Amino acid sequence: MAAIRDKQLRYREGIGKYLQVLSAETPLLTQQGLDADLRSRRRVGRDQPDPGRWVAIRRERGCVASAN
């Protein structure tokens, strides 16, 4: 993060090039994208119902024959 701020400051002061700013931001943006993807995958996995629970519900409603 400090590297990005340094590059942005140098660019604003006319010392550095915008390509240097972009080069410094690329790893951070890549990591943020990976973090967002991981959070999304965790959220999807958490939203999936427990298959055993669905079998129990269907048994209660008479949709699945009991194992007894």
PDB file of N, CA and C in Angstrom:
ATOM      1  N   MET A   1       0.822  -1.181   0.000  1.00  0.00           N
ATOM      2  CA  MET A   1       0.000   0.000   0.000  1.00  0.00           C
ATOM      3  C   MET A   1       0.876   1.259   0.000  1.00  0.00           C
ATOM      4  N   ALA A   2       1.953   1.209   0.755  1.00  0.00           N
ATOM      5  CA  ALA A   2       2.852   2.362   0.812  1.00  0.00           C
ATOM      6  C   ALA A   2       3.512   2.604  -0.544  1.00  0.00           C
ATOM      7  N   ALA A   3       3.801   1.514  -1.254  1.00  0.00           N
ATOM      8  CA  ALA A   3       4.419   1.647  -2.576  1.00  0.00           C
ATOM      9  C   ALA A   3       3.476   2.365  -3.536  1.00  0.00           C
ATOM     10  N   ILE A   4       2.206   2.052  -3.420  1.00  0.00           N
ATOM     11  CA  ILE A   4       1.219   2.694  -4.298  1.00  0.00           C
ATOM     12  C   ILE A   4       1.124   4.184  -3.981  1.00  0.00           C
ATOM     13  N   ARG A   5       1.050   4.498  -2.683  1.00  0.00           N
ATOM     14  CA  ARG A   5       0.969   5.925  -2.303  1.00  0.00           C
ATOM     15  C   ARG A   5       2.197   6.686  -2.776  1.00  0.00           C
ATOM     16  N   ASP A   6       3.365   6.051  -2.659  1.00  0.00           N
ATOM     17  CA  ASP A   6       4.609   6.679  -3.108  1.00  0.00           C
ATOM     18  C   ASP A   6       4.560   6.960  -4.611  1.00  0.00           C
ATOM     19  N   LYS A   7       4.118   5.958  -5.378  1.00  0.00           N
ATOM     20  CA  LYS A   7       4.047   6.137  -6.838  1.00  0.00           C
ATOM     21  C   LYS A   7       3.015   7.198  -7.209  1.00  0.00           C
ATOM     22  N   GLN A   8       1.884   7.217  -6.506  1.00  0.00           N
ATOM     23  CA  GLN A   8       0.854   8.221  -6.799  1.00  0.00           C
ATOM     24  C   GLN A   8       1.370   9.627  -6.488  1.00  0.00           C
ATOM     25  N   LEU A   9       2.061   9.759  -5.382  1.00  0.00           N
ATOM     26  CA  LEU A   9       2.622  11.066  -5.004  1.00  0.00           C
ATOM     27  C   LEU A   9       3.643  11.528  -6.043  1.00  0.00           C
ATOM     28  N   ARG A  10       4.519  10.626  -6.449  1.00  0.00           N
ATOM     29  CA  ARG A  10       5.521  10.985  -7.458  1.00  0.00           C
ATOM     30  C   ARG A  10       4.843  11.387  -8.764  1.00  0.00           C
ATOM     31  N   TYR A  11       3.761  10.673  -9.131  1.00  0.00           N
ATOM     32  CA  TYR A  11       3.045  11.002 -10.368  1.00  0.00           C
ATOM     33  C   TYR A  11       2.409  12.388 -10.261  1.00  0.00           C
ATOM     34  N   ARG A  12       1.760  12.655  -9.126  1.00  0.00           N
ATOM     35  CA  ARG A  12       1.102  13.963  -8.946  1.00  0.00           C
ATOM     36  C   ARG A  12       2.105  15.110  -8.963  1.00  0.00           C
ATOM     37  N   GLU A  13       3.301  14.843  -8.457  1.00  0.00           N
ATOM     38  CA  GLU A  13       4.333  15.877  -8.429  1.00  0.00           C
ATOM     39  C   GLU A  13       5.054  16.002  -9.761  1.00  0.00           C
ATOM     40  N   GLY A  14       4.715  15.133 -10.718  1.00  0.00           N
ATOM     41  CA  GLY A  14       5.330  15.215 -12.033  1.00  0.00           C
ATOM     42  C   GLY A  14       6.674  14.518 -12.127  1.00  0.00           C
ATOM     43  N   ILE A  15       7.007  13.732 -11.117  1.00  0.00           N
ATOM     44  CA  ILE A  15       8.310  13.062 -11.102  1.00  0.00           C
ATOM     45  C   ILE A  15       8.224  11.672 -11.739  1.00  0.00           C
ATOM     46  N   GLY A  16       7.106  10.987 -11.510  1.00  0.00           N
ATOM     47  CA  GLY A  16       6.962   9.619 -12.010  1.00  0.00           C
ATOM     48  C   GLY A  16       5.955   9.532 -13.137  1.00  0.00           C
ATOM     49  N   LYS A  17       5.880   8.384 -13.733  1.00  0.00           N
ATOM     50  CA  LYS A  17       4.952   8.149 -14.836  1.00  0.00           C
ATOM     51  C   LYS A  17       3.750   7.362 -14.318  1.00  0.00           C
ATOM     52  N   TYR A  18       2.634   7.527 -14.998  1.00  0.00           N
ATOM     53  CA  TYR A  18       1.422   6.830 -14.585  1.00  0.00           C
ATOM     54  C   TYR A  18       1.584   5.320 -14.715  1.00  0.00           C
ATOM     55  N   LEU A  19       2.403   4.871 -15.638  1.00  0.00           N
ATOM     56  CA  LEU A  19       2.666   3.444 -15.785  1.00  0.00           C
ATOM     57  C   LEU A  19       3.276   2.875 -14.501  1.00  0.00           C
ATOM     58  N   GLN A  20       4.079   3.651 -13.805  1.00  0.00           N
ATOM     59  CA  GLN A  20       4.644   3.201 -12.538  1.00  0.00           C
ATOM     60  C   GLN A  20       3.553   3.041 -11.480  1.00  0.00           C
ATOM     61  N   VAL A  21       2.575   3.934 -11.503  1.00  0.00           N
ATOM     62  CA  VAL A  21       1.448   3.834 -10.572  1.00  0.00           C
ATOM     63  C   VAL A  21       0.678   2.552 -10.853  1.00  0.00           C
ATOM     64  N   LEU A  22       0.383   2.320 -12.118  1.00  0.00           N
ATOM     65  CA  LEU A  22      -0.360   1.115 -12.482  1.00  0.00           C
ATOM     66  C   LEU A  22       0.410  -0.148 -12.133  1.00  0.00           C
ATOM     67  N   SER A  23       1.704  -0.127 -12.355  1.00  0.00           N
ATOM     68  CA  SER A  23       2.533  -1.293 -12.037  1.00  0.00           C
ATOM     69  C   SER A  23       2.534  -1.577 -10.538  1.00  0.00           C
ATOM     70  N   ALA A  24       2.512  -0.545  -9.731  1.00  0.00           N
ATOM     71  CA  ALA A  24       2.490  -0.725  -8.279  1.00  0.00           C
ATOM     72  C   ALA A  24       1.119  -1.212  -7.811  1.00  0.00           C
ATOM     73  N   GLU A  25       0.054  -0.807  -8.488  1.00  0.00           N
ATOM     74  CA  GLU A  25      -1.300  -1.190  -8.084  1.00  0.00           C
ATOM     75  C   GLU A  25      -1.676  -2.612  -8.499  1.00  0.00           C
ATOM     76  N   THR A  26      -1.064  -3.123  -9.540  1.00  0.00           N
ATOM     77  CA  THR A  26      -1.461  -4.421 -10.093  1.00  0.00           C
ATOM     78  C   THR A  26      -1.469  -5.549  -9.064  1.00  0.00           C
ATOM     79  N   PRO A  27      -0.408  -5.756  -8.274  1.00  0.00           N
ATOM     80  CA  PRO A  27      -0.453  -6.856  -7.296  1.00  0.00           C
ATOM     81  C   PRO A  27      -1.556  -6.677  -6.255  1.00  0.00           C
ATOM     82  N   LEU A  28      -1.785  -5.438  -5.823  1.00  0.00           N
ATOM     83  CA  LEU A  28      -2.836  -5.181  -4.838  1.00  0.00           C
ATOM     84  C   LEU A  28      -4.208  -5.496  -5.421  1.00  0.00           C
ATOM     85  N   LEU A  29      -4.458  -5.033  -6.636  1.00  0.00           N
ATOM     86  CA  LEU A  29      -5.752  -5.294  -7.260  1.00  0.00           C
ATOM     87  C   LEU A  29      -5.959  -6.781  -7.519  1.00  0.00           C
ATOM     88  N   THR A  30      -4.900  -7.467  -7.882  1.00  0.00           N
ATOM     89  CA  THR A  30      -4.982  -8.920  -8.089  1.00  0.00           C
ATOM     90  C   THR A  30      -5.356  -9.606  -6.783  1.00  0.00           C
ATOM     91  N   GLN A  31      -4.704  -9.223  -5.693  1.00  0.00           N
ATOM     92  CA  GLN A  31      -4.991  -9.838  -4.393  1.00  0.00           C
ATOM     93  C   GLN A  31      -6.415  -9.526  -3.943  1.00  0.00           C
ATOM     94  N   GLN A  32      -6.868  -8.302  -4.166  1.00  0.00           N
ATOM     95  CA  GLN A  32      -8.237  -7.950  -3.799  1.00  0.00           C
ATOM     96  C   GLN A  32      -9.245  -8.785  -4.589  1.00  0.00           C
ATOM     97  N   GLY A  33      -8.958  -9.025  -5.852  1.00  0.00           N
ATOM     98  CA  GLY A  33      -9.837  -9.860  -6.665  1.00  0.00           C
ATOM     99  C   GLY A  33      -9.873 -11.296  -6.164  1.00  0.00           C
ATOM    100  N   LEU A  34      -8.711 -11.816  -5.790  1.00  0.00           N
ATOM    101  CA  LEU A  34      -8.658 -13.178  -5.247  1.00  0.00           C
ATOM    102  C   LEU A  34      -9.399 -13.263  -3.918  1.00  0.00           C
ATOM    103  N   ASP A  35      -9.247 -12.235  -3.080  1.00  0.00           N
ATOM    104  CA  ASP A  35      -9.961 -12.214  -1.799  1.00  0.00           C
ATOM    105  C   ASP A  35     -11.472 -12.185  -2.011  1.00  0.00           C
ATOM    106  N   ALA A  36     -11.929 -11.376  -2.962  1.00  0.00           N
ATOM    107  CA  ALA A  36     -13.362 -11.296  -3.247  1.00  0.00           C
ATOM    108  C   ALA A  36     -13.887 -12.629  -3.774  1.00  0.00           C
ATOM    109  N   ASP A  37     -13.105 -13.287  -4.617  1.00  0.00           N
ATOM    110  CA  ASP A  37     -13.508 -14.589  -5.147  1.00  0.00           C
ATOM    111  C   ASP A  37     -13.614 -15.618  -4.029  1.00  0.00           C
ATOM    112  N   LEU A  38     -12.655 -15.617  -3.115  1.00  0.00           N
ATOM    113  CA  LEU A  38     -12.676 -16.555  -2.006  1.00  0.00           C
ATOM    114  C   LEU A  38     -13.880 -16.305  -1.100  1.00  0.00           C
ATOM    115  N   ARG A  39     -14.154 -15.026  -0.792  1.00  0.00           N
ATOM    116  CA  ARG A  39     -15.331 -14.705   0.032  1.00  0.00           C
ATOM    117  C   ARG A  39     -16.603 -15.164  -0.651  1.00  0.00           C
ATOM    118  N   SER A  40     -16.681 -14.977  -1.960  1.00  0.00           N
ATOM    119  CA  SER A  40     -17.860 -15.393  -2.718  1.00  0.00           C
ATOM    120  C   SER A  40     -18.033 -16.906  -2.661  1.00  0.00           C
ATOM    121  N   ARG A  41     -16.939 -17.637  -2.814  1.00  0.00           N
ATOM    122  CA  ARG A  41     -17.023 -19.105  -2.767  1.00  0.00           C
ATOM    123  C   ARG A  41     -17.437 -19.581  -1.389  1.00  0.00           C
ATOM    124  N   ARG A  42     -16.926 -18.930  -0.350  1.00  0.00           N
ATOM    125  CA  ARG A  42     -17.317 -19.299   1.016  1.00  0.00           C
ATOM    126  C   ARG A  42     -18.796 -19.022   1.226  1.00  0.00           C
ATOM    127  N   ARG A  43     -19.268 -17.892   0.728  1.00  0.00           N
ATOM    128  CA  ARG A  43     -20.667 -17.513   0.898  1.00  0.00           C
ATOM    129  C   ARG A  43     -21.579 -18.505   0.178  1.00  0.00           C
ATOM    130  N   VAL A  44     -21.207 -18.895  -1.022  1.00  0.00           N
ATOM    131  CA  VAL A  44     -22.014 -19.853  -1.780  1.00  0.00           C
ATOM    132  C   VAL A  44     -22.054 -21.181  -1.046  1.00  0.00           C
ATOM    133  N   GLY A  45     -20.916 -21.637  -0.532  1.00  0.00           N
ATOM    134  CA  GLY A  45     -20.876 -22.894   0.203  1.00  0.00           C
ATOM    135  C   GLY A  45     -21.714 -22.855   1.455  1.00  0.00           C
ATOM    136  N   ARG A  46     -21.753 -21.707   2.105  1.00  0.00           N
ATOM    137  CA  ARG A  46     -22.528 -21.559   3.333  1.00  0.00           C
ATOM    138  C   ARG A  46     -24.019 -21.528   3.021  1.00  0.00           C
ATOM    139  N   ASP A  47     -24.384 -21.026   1.856  1.00  0.00           N
ATOM    140  CA  ASP A  47     -25.792 -20.929   1.484  1.00  0.00           C
ATOM    141  C   ASP A  47     -26.379 -22.262   1.047  1.00  0.00           C
ATOM    142  N   GLN A  48     -25.526 -23.234   0.754  1.00  0.00           N
ATOM    143  CA  GLN A  48     -26.021 -24.525   0.302  1.00  0.00           C
ATOM    144  C   GLN A  48     -26.613 -25.292   1.483  1.00  0.00           C
ATOM    145  N   PRO A  49     -27.777 -25.848   1.311  1.00  0.00           N
ATOM    146  CA  PRO A  49     -28.404 -26.572   2.411  1.00  0.00           C
ATOM    147  C   PRO A  49     -27.687 -27.885   2.704  1.00  0.00           C
ATOM    148  N   ASP A  50     -27.824 -28.334   3.903  1.00  0.00           N
ATOM    149  CA  ASP A  50     -27.267 -29.615   4.314  1.00  0.00           C
ATOM    150  C   ASP A  50     -28.114 -30.721   3.686  1.00  0.00           C
ATOM    151  N   PRO A  51     -27.531 -31.597   2.877  1.00  0.00           N
ATOM    152  CA  PRO A  51     -28.315 -32.639   2.206  1.00  0.00           C
ATOM    153  C   PRO A  51     -29.046 -33.541   3.193  1.00  0.00           C
ATOM    154  N   GLY A  52     -28.432 -33.836   4.315  1.00  0.00           N
ATOM    155  CA  GLY A  52     -29.088 -34.677   5.325  1.00  0.00           C
ATOM    156  C   GLY A  52     -30.345 -34.023   5.859  1.00  0.00           C
ATOM    157  N   ARG A  53     -30.305 -32.722   6.004  1.00  0.00           N
ATOM    158  CA  ARG A  53     -31.483 -31.982   6.487  1.00  0.00           C
ATOM    159  C   ARG A  53     -32.608 -32.078   5.475  1.00  0.00           C
ATOM    160  N   TRP A  54     -32.285 -31.983   4.192  1.00  0.00           N
ATOM    161  CA  TRP A  54     -33.328 -32.067   3.161  1.00  0.00           C
ATOM    162  C   TRP A  54     -33.970 -33.448   3.132  1.00  0.00           C
ATOM    163  N   VAL A  55     -33.176 -34.492   3.355  1.00  0.00           N
ATOM    164  CA  VAL A  55     -33.741 -35.847   3.391  1.00  0.00           C
ATOM    165  C   VAL A  55     -34.699 -35.964   4.566  1.00  0.00           C
ATOM    166  N   ALA A  56     -34.294 -35.418   5.723  1.00  0.00           N
ATOM    167  CA  ALA A  56     -35.158 -35.472   6.909  1.00  0.00           C
ATOM    168  C   ALA A  56     -36.468 -34.731   6.665  1.00  0.00           C
ATOM    169  N   ILE A  57     -36.407 -33.581   6.029  1.00  0.00           N
ATOM    170  CA  ILE A  57     -37.621 -32.805   5.740  1.00  0.00           C
ATOM    171  C   ILE A  57     -38.525 -33.578   4.787  1.00  0.00           C
ATOM    172  N   ARG A  58     -37.927 -34.176   3.767  1.00  0.00           N
ATOM    173  CA  ARG A  58     -38.729 -34.924   2.797  1.00  0.00           C
ATOM    174  C   ARG A  58     -39.357 -36.155   3.447  1.00  0.00           C
ATOM    175  N   ARG A  59     -38.642 -36.791   4.373  1.00  0.00           N
ATOM    176  CA  ARG A  59     -39.213 -37.939   5.099  1.00  0.00           C
ATOM    177  C   ARG A  59     -40.425 -37.507   5.911  1.00  0.00           C
ATOM    178  N   GLU A  60     -40.270 -36.353   6.604  1.00  0.00           N
ATOM    179  CA  GLU A  60     -41.374 -35.830   7.413  1.00  0.00           C
ATOM    180  C   GLU A  60     -42.610 -35.595   6.555  1.00  0.00           C
ATOM    181  N   ARG A  61     -42.400 -35.164   5.345  1.00  0.00           N
ATOM    182  CA  ARG A  61     -43.524 -34.863   4.451  1.00  0.00           C
ATOM    183  C   ARG A  61     -43.995 -36.099   3.670  1.00  0.00           C
ATOM    184  N   GLY A  62     -43.336 -37.221   3.896  1.00  0.00           N
ATOM    185  CA  GLY A  62     -43.744 -38.451   3.220  1.00  0.00           C
ATOM    186  C   GLY A  62     -43.247 -38.571   1.803  1.00  0.00           C
ATOM    187  N   CYS A  63     -42.260 -37.789   1.418  1.00  0.00           N
ATOM    188  CA  CYS A  63     -41.743 -37.830   0.057  1.00  0.00           C
ATOM    189  C   CYS A  63     -40.690 -38.908  -0.140  1.00  0.00           C
ATOM    190  N   VAL A  64     -40.086 -39.375   0.957  1.00  0.00           N
ATOM    191  CA  VAL A  64     -39.021 -40.371   0.882  1.00  0.00           C
ATOM    192  C   VAL A  64     -39.411 -41.502   1.838  1.00  0.00           C
ATOM    193  N   ALA A  65     -39.246 -42.717   1.376  1.00  0.00           N
ATOM    194  CA  ALA A  65     -39.562 -43.861   2.234  1.00  0.00           C
ATOM    195  C   ALA A  65     -38.590 -43.910   3.400  1.00  0.00           C
ATOM    196  N   SER A  66     -39.099 -44.258   4.553  1.00  0.00           N
ATOM    197  CA  SER A  66     -38.268 -44.368   5.743  1.00  0.00           C
ATOM    198  C   SER A  66     -37.372 -45.596   5.649  1.00  0.00           C
ATOM    199  N   ALA A  67     -36.199 -45.522   6.218  1.00  0.00           N
ATOM    200  CA  ALA A  67     -35.263 -46.638   6.192  1.00  0.00           C
ATOM    201  C   ALA A  67     -35.685 -47.725   7.170  1.00  0.00           C
ATOM    202  N   ASN A  68     -36.628 -47.430   8.071  1.00  0.00           N
ATOM    203  CA  ASN A  68     -37.057 -48.418   9.085  1.00  0.00           C
ATOM    204  C   ASN A  68     -37.944 -49.448   8.495  1.00  0.00           C
TER     205      ASN A  68
END
